[in-house]
């Protein structure tokens, strides 16, 4: 991202909460808990984003997510990568 660009309108926290809810419903409670812990225990926005990115990278690679959940996880990961660039 180039300095001076408008901030993204993407709602990272809402997207993460929606994904957490989906993971819980699909039987991936451990993965959901990792994301929730990242949000609840992070001290700064950057720390939270970095923790979410770390856990999402592993989830996307290792967890067999269903259709829309896979898409939402991948989108959130792309948005986090862009924000942390």
PDB file of N, CA and C in Angstrom:
ATOM      1  N   UNK A   1       0.840  -1.171   0.000  1.00  0.00           N
ATOM      2  CA  UNK A   1       0.000   0.000   0.000  1.00  0.00           C
ATOM      3  C   UNK A   1       0.885   1.234   0.000  1.00  0.00           C
ATOM      4  N   UNK A   2       0.504   2.194  -0.774  1.00  0.00           N
ATOM      5  CA  UNK A   2       1.244   3.438  -0.874  1.00  0.00           C
ATOM      6  C   UNK A   2       0.717   4.397   0.177  1.00  0.00           C
ATOM      7  N   UNK A   3       1.616   5.075   0.887  1.00  0.00           N
ATOM      8  CA  UNK A   3       1.193   6.052   1.875  1.00  0.00           C
ATOM      9  C   UNK A   3       0.335   7.108   1.216  1.00  0.00           C
ATOM     10  N   UNK A   4      -0.698   7.517   1.913  1.00  0.00           N
ATOM     11  CA  UNK A   4      -1.588   8.533   1.393  1.00  0.00           C
ATOM     12  C   UNK A   4      -2.840   7.949   0.757  1.00  0.00           C
ATOM     13  N   UNK A   5      -2.861   6.630   0.510  1.00  0.00           N
ATOM     14  CA  UNK A   5      -4.070   6.004  -0.017  1.00  0.00           C
ATOM     15  C   UNK A   5      -5.148   6.026   1.053  1.00  0.00           C
ATOM     16  N   UNK A   6      -6.389   6.074   0.617  1.00  0.00           N
ATOM     17  CA  UNK A   6      -7.499   6.015   1.571  1.00  0.00           C
ATOM     18  C   UNK A   6      -7.481   4.664   2.265  1.00  0.00           C
ATOM     19  N   UNK A   7      -7.858   4.666   3.523  1.00  0.00           N
ATOM     20  CA  UNK A   7      -7.911   3.409   4.267  1.00  0.00           C
ATOM     21  C   UNK A   7      -8.985   2.510   3.668  1.00  0.00           C
ATOM     22  N   UNK A   8      -8.796   1.239   3.794  1.00  0.00           N
ATOM     23  CA  UNK A   8      -9.758   0.264   3.298  1.00  0.00           C
ATOM     24  C   UNK A   8     -11.069   0.376   4.072  1.00  0.00           C
ATOM     25  N   UNK A   9     -12.163   0.134   3.376  1.00  0.00           N
ATOM     26  CA  UNK A   9     -13.466   0.104   4.027  1.00  0.00           C
ATOM     27  C   UNK A   9     -13.800  -1.292   4.527  1.00  0.00           C
ATOM     28  N   UNK A  10     -12.886  -2.225   4.342  1.00  0.00           N
ATOM     29  CA  UNK A  10     -13.101  -3.599   4.781  1.00  0.00           C
ATOM     30  C   UNK A  10     -13.150  -3.643   6.305  1.00  0.00           C
ATOM     31  N   UNK A  11     -14.151  -4.317   6.854  1.00  0.00           N
ATOM     32  CA  UNK A  11     -14.305  -4.419   8.308  1.00  0.00           C
ATOM     33  C   UNK A  11     -13.659  -5.728   8.771  1.00  0.00           C
ATOM     34  N   UNK A  12     -12.402  -5.635   9.149  1.00  0.00           N
ATOM     35  CA  UNK A  12     -11.608  -6.802   9.528  1.00  0.00           C
ATOM     36  C   UNK A  12     -12.213  -7.553  10.700  1.00  0.00           C
ATOM     37  N   UNK A  13     -12.649  -6.807  11.698  1.00  0.00           N
ATOM     38  CA  UNK A  13     -13.172  -7.439  12.904  1.00  0.00           C
ATOM     39  C   UNK A  13     -14.505  -8.133  12.642  1.00  0.00           C
ATOM     40  N   UNK A  14     -15.380  -7.514  11.871  1.00  0.00           N
ATOM     41  CA  UNK A  14     -16.654  -8.148  11.525  1.00  0.00           C
ATOM     42  C   UNK A  14     -16.415  -9.405  10.692  1.00  0.00           C
ATOM     43  N   UNK A  15     -15.466  -9.322   9.759  1.00  0.00           N
ATOM     44  CA  UNK A  15     -15.137 -10.488   8.931  1.00  0.00           C
ATOM     45  C   UNK A  15     -14.571 -11.615   9.787  1.00  0.00           C
ATOM     46  N   UNK A  16     -13.712 -11.257  10.743  1.00  0.00           N
ATOM     47  CA  UNK A  16     -13.138 -12.273  11.630  1.00  0.00           C
ATOM     48  C   UNK A  16     -14.218 -12.900  12.509  1.00  0.00           C
ATOM     49  N   UNK A  17     -15.111 -12.084  13.043  1.00  0.00           N
ATOM     50  CA  UNK A  17     -16.193 -12.610  13.886  1.00  0.00           C
ATOM     51  C   UNK A  17     -17.124 -13.523  13.095  1.00  0.00           C
ATOM     52  N   UNK A  18     -17.425 -13.137  11.862  1.00  0.00           N
ATOM     53  CA  UNK A  18     -18.265 -13.988  11.018  1.00  0.00           C
ATOM     54  C   UNK A  18     -17.570 -15.316  10.734  1.00  0.00           C
ATOM     55  N   UNK A  19     -16.283 -15.262  10.444  1.00  0.00           N
ATOM     56  CA  UNK A  19     -15.534 -16.491  10.183  1.00  0.00           C
ATOM     57  C   UNK A  19     -15.471 -17.357  11.439  1.00  0.00           C
ATOM     58  N   UNK A  20     -15.256 -16.741  12.586  1.00  0.00           N
ATOM     59  CA  UNK A  20     -15.230 -17.489  13.849  1.00  0.00           C
ATOM     60  C   UNK A  20     -16.548 -18.227  14.044  1.00  0.00           C
ATOM     61  N   UNK A  21     -17.647 -17.547  13.817  1.00  0.00           N
ATOM     62  CA  UNK A  21     -18.974 -18.158  13.957  1.00  0.00           C
ATOM     63  C   UNK A  21     -19.136 -19.335  13.000  1.00  0.00           C
ATOM     64  N   UNK A  22     -18.710 -19.157  11.767  1.00  0.00           N
ATOM     65  CA  UNK A  22     -18.800 -20.234  10.777  1.00  0.00           C
ATOM     66  C   UNK A  22     -17.940 -21.433  11.182  1.00  0.00           C
ATOM     67  N   UNK A  23     -16.722 -21.156  11.638  1.00  0.00           N
ATOM     68  CA  UNK A  23     -15.835 -22.244  12.056  1.00  0.00           C
ATOM     69  C   UNK A  23     -16.446 -23.041  13.203  1.00  0.00           C
ATOM     70  N   UNK A  24     -17.029 -22.345  14.158  1.00  0.00           N
ATOM     71  CA  UNK A  24     -17.668 -23.028  15.288  1.00  0.00           C
ATOM     72  C   UNK A  24     -18.811 -23.916  14.806  1.00  0.00           C
ATOM     73  N   UNK A  25     -19.637 -23.403  13.901  1.00  0.00           N
ATOM     74  CA  UNK A  25     -20.778 -24.163  13.376  1.00  0.00           C
ATOM     75  C   UNK A  25     -20.342 -25.360  12.550  1.00  0.00           C
ATOM     76  N   UNK A  26     -19.171 -25.259  11.916  1.00  0.00           N
ATOM     77  CA  UNK A  26     -18.684 -26.335  11.052  1.00  0.00           C
ATOM     78  C   UNK A  26     -17.796 -27.334  11.793  1.00  0.00           C
ATOM     79  N   UNK A  27     -17.696 -27.179  13.115  1.00  0.00           N
ATOM     80  CA  UNK A  27     -16.938 -28.141  13.907  1.00  0.00           C
ATOM     81  C   UNK A  27     -15.456 -27.855  14.034  1.00  0.00           C
ATOM     82  N   UNK A  28     -15.047 -26.630  13.778  1.00  0.00           N
ATOM     83  CA  UNK A  28     -13.637 -26.255  13.881  1.00  0.00           C
ATOM     84  C   UNK A  28     -13.434 -25.312  15.073  1.00  0.00           C
ATOM     85  N   UNK A  29     -13.857 -25.788  16.237  1.00  0.00           N
ATOM     86  CA  UNK A  29     -13.842 -24.957  17.450  1.00  0.00           C
ATOM     87  C   UNK A  29     -12.429 -24.525  17.840  1.00  0.00           C
ATOM     88  N   UNK A  30     -11.451 -25.378  17.649  1.00  0.00           N
ATOM     89  CA  UNK A  30     -10.072 -25.039  18.019  1.00  0.00           C
ATOM     90  C   UNK A  30      -9.570 -23.876  17.154  1.00  0.00           C
ATOM     91  N   UNK A  31      -9.841 -23.949  15.857  1.00  0.00           N
ATOM     92  CA  UNK A  31      -9.430 -22.862  14.965  1.00  0.00           C
ATOM     93  C   UNK A  31     -10.167 -21.571  15.312  1.00  0.00           C
ATOM     94  N   UNK A  32     -11.453 -21.682  15.598  1.00  0.00           N
ATOM     95  CA  UNK A  32     -12.241 -20.507  15.978  1.00  0.00           C
ATOM     96  C   UNK A  32     -11.676 -19.880  17.248  1.00  0.00           C
ATOM     97  N   UNK A  33     -11.303 -20.715  18.203  1.00  0.00           N
ATOM     98  CA  UNK A  33     -10.760 -20.218  19.475  1.00  0.00           C
ATOM     99  C   UNK A  33      -9.438 -19.481  19.262  1.00  0.00           C
ATOM    100  N   UNK A  34      -8.621 -19.959  18.342  1.00  0.00           N
ATOM    101  CA  UNK A  34      -7.347 -19.282  18.057  1.00  0.00           C
ATOM    102  C   UNK A  34      -7.590 -17.873  17.531  1.00  0.00           C
ATOM    103  N   UNK A  35      -8.559 -17.741  16.641  1.00  0.00           N
ATOM    104  CA  UNK A  35      -8.868 -16.422  16.086  1.00  0.00           C
ATOM    105  C   UNK A  35      -9.475 -15.511  17.154  1.00  0.00           C
ATOM    106  N   UNK A  36     -10.374 -16.059  17.963  1.00  0.00           N
ATOM    107  CA  UNK A  36     -10.994 -15.266  19.025  1.00  0.00           C
ATOM    108  C   UNK A  36      -9.939 -14.797  20.034  1.00  0.00           C
ATOM    109  N   UNK A  37      -9.023 -15.678  20.391  1.00  0.00           N
ATOM    110  CA  UNK A  37      -7.958 -15.322  21.329  1.00  0.00           C
ATOM    111  C   UNK A  37      -7.082 -14.213  20.748  1.00  0.00           C
ATOM    112  N   UNK A  38      -6.804 -14.282  19.454  1.00  0.00           N
ATOM    113  CA  UNK A  38      -5.996 -13.240  18.808  1.00  0.00           C
ATOM    114  C   UNK A  38      -6.660 -11.878  18.972  1.00  0.00           C
ATOM    115  N   UNK A  39      -7.969 -11.831  18.822  1.00  0.00           N
ATOM    116  CA  UNK A  39      -8.702 -10.567  18.938  1.00  0.00           C
ATOM    117  C   UNK A  39      -8.757 -10.107  20.396  1.00  0.00           C
ATOM    118  N   UNK A  40      -9.076 -11.023  21.289  1.00  0.00           N
ATOM    119  CA  UNK A  40      -9.290 -10.656  22.692  1.00  0.00           C
ATOM    120  C   UNK A  40      -8.000 -10.334  23.439  1.00  0.00           C
ATOM    121  N   UNK A  41      -6.903 -10.957  23.052  1.00  0.00           N
ATOM    122  CA  UNK A  41      -5.669 -10.793  23.814  1.00  0.00           C
ATOM    123  C   UNK A  41      -4.659  -9.846  23.169  1.00  0.00           C
ATOM    124  N   UNK A  42      -4.956  -9.383  21.971  1.00  0.00           N
ATOM    125  CA  UNK A  42      -4.050  -8.442  21.316  1.00  0.00           C
ATOM    126  C   UNK A  42      -4.109  -7.080  21.974  1.00  0.00           C
ATOM    127  N   UNK A  43      -2.969  -6.439  22.098  1.00  0.00           N
ATOM    128  CA  UNK A  43      -2.895  -5.119  22.737  1.00  0.00           C
ATOM    129  C   UNK A  43      -3.110  -3.979  21.756  1.00  0.00           C
ATOM    130  N   UNK A  44      -2.693  -4.180  20.521  1.00  0.00           N
ATOM    131  CA  UNK A  44      -2.810  -3.129  19.508  1.00  0.00           C
ATOM    132  C   UNK A  44      -3.445  -3.729  18.257  1.00  0.00           C
ATOM    133  N   UNK A  45      -3.922  -2.860  17.395  1.00  0.00           N
ATOM    134  CA  UNK A  45      -4.492  -3.327  16.144  1.00  0.00           C
ATOM    135  C   UNK A  45      -3.498  -4.118  15.322  1.00  0.00           C
ATOM    136  N   UNK A  46      -2.263  -3.644  15.276  1.00  0.00           N
ATOM    137  CA  UNK A  46      -1.227  -4.344  14.511  1.00  0.00           C
ATOM    138  C   UNK A  46      -0.969  -5.727  15.087  1.00  0.00           C
ATOM    139  N   UNK A  47      -0.899  -5.820  16.399  1.00  0.00           N
ATOM    140  CA  UNK A  47      -0.678  -7.124  17.038  1.00  0.00           C
ATOM    141  C   UNK A  47      -1.830  -8.077  16.728  1.00  0.00           C
ATOM    142  N   UNK A  48      -3.042  -7.571  16.781  1.00  0.00           N
ATOM    143  CA  UNK A  48      -4.210  -8.402  16.476  1.00  0.00           C
ATOM    144  C   UNK A  48      -4.173  -8.854  15.023  1.00  0.00           C
ATOM    145  N   UNK A  49      -3.902  -7.926  14.110  1.00  0.00           N
ATOM    146  CA  UNK A  49      -3.839  -8.279  12.692  1.00  0.00           C
ATOM    147  C   UNK A  49      -2.754  -9.322  12.426  1.00  0.00           C
ATOM    148  N   UNK A  50      -1.596  -9.156  13.055  1.00  0.00           N
ATOM    149  CA  UNK A  50      -0.499 -10.110  12.848  1.00  0.00           C
ATOM    150  C   UNK A  50      -0.874 -11.495  13.372  1.00  0.00           C
ATOM    151  N   UNK A  51      -1.518 -11.551  14.532  1.00  0.00           N
ATOM    152  CA  UNK A  51      -1.938 -12.839  15.094  1.00  0.00           C
ATOM    153  C   UNK A  51      -3.023 -13.480  14.225  1.00  0.00           C
ATOM    154  N   UNK A  52      -3.982 -12.673  13.771  1.00  0.00           N
ATOM    155  CA  UNK A  52      -5.010 -13.211  12.881  1.00  0.00           C
ATOM    156  C   UNK A  52      -4.388 -13.757  11.606  1.00  0.00           C
ATOM    157  N   UNK A  53      -3.457 -13.011  11.041  1.00  0.00           N
ATOM    158  CA  UNK A  53      -2.801 -13.461   9.817  1.00  0.00           C
ATOM    159  C   UNK A  53      -2.056 -14.773  10.051  1.00  0.00           C
ATOM    160  N   UNK A  54      -1.330 -14.866  11.147  1.00  0.00           N
ATOM    161  CA  UNK A  54      -0.588 -16.085  11.459  1.00  0.00           C
ATOM    162  C   UNK A  54      -1.534 -17.294  11.528  1.00  0.00           C
ATOM    163  N   UNK A  55      -2.598 -17.161  12.306  1.00  0.00           N
ATOM    164  CA  UNK A  55      -3.525 -18.287  12.471  1.00  0.00           C
ATOM    165  C   UNK A  55      -4.306 -18.572  11.193  1.00  0.00           C
ATOM    166  N   UNK A  56      -4.714 -17.537  10.480  1.00  0.00           N
ATOM    167  CA  UNK A  56      -5.447 -17.753   9.232  1.00  0.00           C
ATOM    168  C   UNK A  56      -4.604 -18.456   8.188  1.00  0.00           C
ATOM    169  N   UNK A  57      -3.336 -18.140   8.119  1.00  0.00           N
ATOM    170  CA  UNK A  57      -2.448 -18.816   7.168  1.00  0.00           C
ATOM    171  C   UNK A  57      -2.466 -20.316   7.420  1.00  0.00           C
ATOM    172  N   UNK A  58      -2.377 -20.698   8.674  1.00  0.00           N
ATOM    173  CA  UNK A  58      -2.408 -22.124   9.029  1.00  0.00           C
ATOM    174  C   UNK A  58      -3.777 -22.745   8.755  1.00  0.00           C
ATOM    175  N   UNK A  59      -4.828 -22.025   9.088  1.00  0.00           N
ATOM    176  CA  UNK A  59      -6.185 -22.539   8.868  1.00  0.00           C
ATOM    177  C   UNK A  59      -6.438 -22.774   7.382  1.00  0.00           C
ATOM    178  N   UNK A  60      -6.091 -21.803   6.562  1.00  0.00           N
ATOM    179  CA  UNK A  60      -6.319 -21.925   5.116  1.00  0.00           C
ATOM    180  C   UNK A  60      -5.534 -23.103   4.540  1.00  0.00           C
ATOM    181  N   UNK A  61      -4.328 -23.322   5.036  1.00  0.00           N
ATOM    182  CA  UNK A  61      -3.484 -24.411   4.532  1.00  0.00           C
ATOM    183  C   UNK A  61      -3.916 -25.786   5.044  1.00  0.00           C
ATOM    184  N   UNK A  62      -4.375 -25.863   6.307  1.00  0.00           N
ATOM    185  CA  UNK A  62      -4.527 -27.166   6.947  1.00  0.00           C
ATOM    186  C   UNK A  62      -5.957 -27.593   7.275  1.00  0.00           C
ATOM    187  N   UNK A  63      -6.898 -26.668   7.294  1.00  0.00           N
ATOM    188  CA  UNK A  63      -8.255 -27.010   7.702  1.00  0.00           C
ATOM    189  C   UNK A  63      -9.145 -27.144   6.477  1.00  0.00           C
ATOM    190  N   UNK A  64      -9.858 -28.271   6.362  1.00  0.00           N
ATOM    191  CA  UNK A  64     -10.743 -28.463   5.205  1.00  0.00           C
ATOM    192  C   UNK A  64     -12.034 -27.648   5.370  1.00  0.00           C
ATOM    193  N   UNK A  65     -11.983 -26.396   4.955  1.00  0.00           N
ATOM    194  CA  UNK A  65     -13.148 -25.522   5.084  1.00  0.00           C
ATOM    195  C   UNK A  65     -14.109 -25.748   3.926  1.00  0.00           C
ATOM    196  N   UNK A  66     -15.384 -25.480   4.203  1.00  0.00           N
ATOM    197  CA  UNK A  66     -16.417 -25.611   3.181  1.00  0.00           C
ATOM    198  C   UNK A  66     -16.537 -24.309   2.401  1.00  0.00           C
ATOM    199  N   UNK A  67     -16.959 -24.382   1.169  1.00  0.00           N
ATOM    200  CA  UNK A  67     -17.152 -23.300   0.225  1.00  0.00           C
ATOM    201  C   UNK A  67     -17.018 -21.871   0.704  1.00  0.00           C
ATOM    202  N   UNK A  68     -18.106 -21.325   1.255  1.00  0.00           N
ATOM    203  CA  UNK A  68     -18.122 -19.916   1.622  1.00  0.00           C
ATOM    204  C   UNK A  68     -17.136 -19.607   2.750  1.00  0.00           C
ATOM    205  N   UNK A  69     -16.939 -20.545   3.645  1.00  0.00           N
ATOM    206  CA  UNK A  69     -15.978 -20.334   4.730  1.00  0.00           C
ATOM    207  C   UNK A  69     -14.563 -20.232   4.191  1.00  0.00           C
ATOM    208  N   UNK A  70     -14.245 -21.047   3.216  1.00  0.00           N
ATOM    209  CA  UNK A  70     -12.924 -20.998   2.577  1.00  0.00           C
ATOM    210  C   UNK A  70     -12.724 -19.660   1.887  1.00  0.00           C
ATOM    211  N   UNK A  71     -13.752 -19.204   1.204  1.00  0.00           N
ATOM    212  CA  UNK A  71     -13.675 -17.921   0.496  1.00  0.00           C
ATOM    213  C   UNK A  71     -13.499 -16.775   1.481  1.00  0.00           C
ATOM    214  N   UNK A  72     -14.260 -16.786   2.565  1.00  0.00           N
ATOM    215  CA  UNK A  72     -14.180 -15.717   3.563  1.00  0.00           C
ATOM    216  C   UNK A  72     -12.830 -15.723   4.280  1.00  0.00           C
ATOM    217  N   UNK A  73     -12.315 -16.903   4.577  1.00  0.00           N
ATOM    218  CA  UNK A  73     -11.006 -17.002   5.226  1.00  0.00           C
ATOM    219  C   UNK A  73      -9.918 -16.467   4.303  1.00  0.00           C
ATOM    220  N   UNK A  74      -9.978 -16.848   3.041  1.00  0.00           N
ATOM    221  CA  UNK A  74      -8.981 -16.391   2.069  1.00  0.00           C
ATOM    222  C   UNK A  74      -9.073 -14.880   1.867  1.00  0.00           C
ATOM    223  N   UNK A  75     -10.285 -14.349   1.817  1.00  0.00           N
ATOM    224  CA  UNK A  75     -10.464 -12.894   1.630  1.00  0.00           C
ATOM    225  C   UNK A  75      -9.902 -12.134   2.826  1.00  0.00           C
ATOM    226  N   UNK A  76     -10.223 -12.606   4.035  1.00  0.00           N
ATOM    227  CA  UNK A  76      -9.717 -11.942   5.236  1.00  0.00           C
ATOM    228  C   UNK A  76      -8.193 -11.981   5.253  1.00  0.00           C
ATOM    229  N   UNK A  77      -7.614 -13.094   4.874  1.00  0.00           N
ATOM    230  CA  UNK A  77      -6.163 -13.219   4.844  1.00  0.00           C
ATOM    231  C   UNK A  77      -5.548 -12.230   3.840  1.00  0.00           C
ATOM    232  N   UNK A  78      -6.133 -12.105   2.673  1.00  0.00           N
ATOM    233  CA  UNK A  78      -5.649 -11.146   1.664  1.00  0.00           C
ATOM    234  C   UNK A  78      -5.735  -9.723   2.215  1.00  0.00           C
ATOM    235  N   UNK A  79      -6.854  -9.389   2.827  1.00  0.00           N
ATOM    236  CA  UNK A  79      -7.038  -8.039   3.375  1.00  0.00           C
ATOM    237  C   UNK A  79      -6.036  -7.751   4.492  1.00  0.00           C
ATOM    238  N   UNK A  80      -5.795  -8.736   5.350  1.00  0.00           N
ATOM    239  CA  UNK A  80      -4.809  -8.559   6.424  1.00  0.00           C
ATOM    240  C   UNK A  80      -3.410  -8.380   5.852  1.00  0.00           C
ATOM    241  N   UNK A  81      -3.081  -9.186   4.854  1.00  0.00           N
ATOM    242  CA  UNK A  81      -1.757  -9.046   4.219  1.00  0.00           C
ATOM    243  C   UNK A  81      -1.592  -7.651   3.624  1.00  0.00           C
ATOM    244  N   UNK A  82      -2.633  -7.159   2.973  1.00  0.00           N
ATOM    245  CA  UNK A  82      -2.563  -5.808   2.395  1.00  0.00           C
ATOM    246  C   UNK A  82      -2.418  -4.745   3.480  1.00  0.00           C
ATOM    247  N   UNK A  83      -3.151  -4.898   4.574  1.00  0.00           N
ATOM    248  CA  UNK A  83      -3.102  -3.916   5.657  1.00  0.00           C
ATOM    249  C   UNK A  83      -1.739  -3.892   6.342  1.00  0.00           C
ATOM    250  N   UNK A  84      -1.094  -5.043   6.403  1.00  0.00           N
ATOM    251  CA  UNK A  84       0.192  -5.149   7.100  1.00  0.00           C
ATOM    252  C   UNK A  84       1.374  -4.921   6.170  1.00  0.00           C
ATOM    253  N   UNK A  85       1.129  -4.676   4.928  1.00  0.00           N
ATOM    254  CA  UNK A  85       2.183  -4.459   3.932  1.00  0.00           C
ATOM    255  C   UNK A  85       2.991  -3.231   4.230  1.00  0.00           C
TER     256      UNK A  85
END
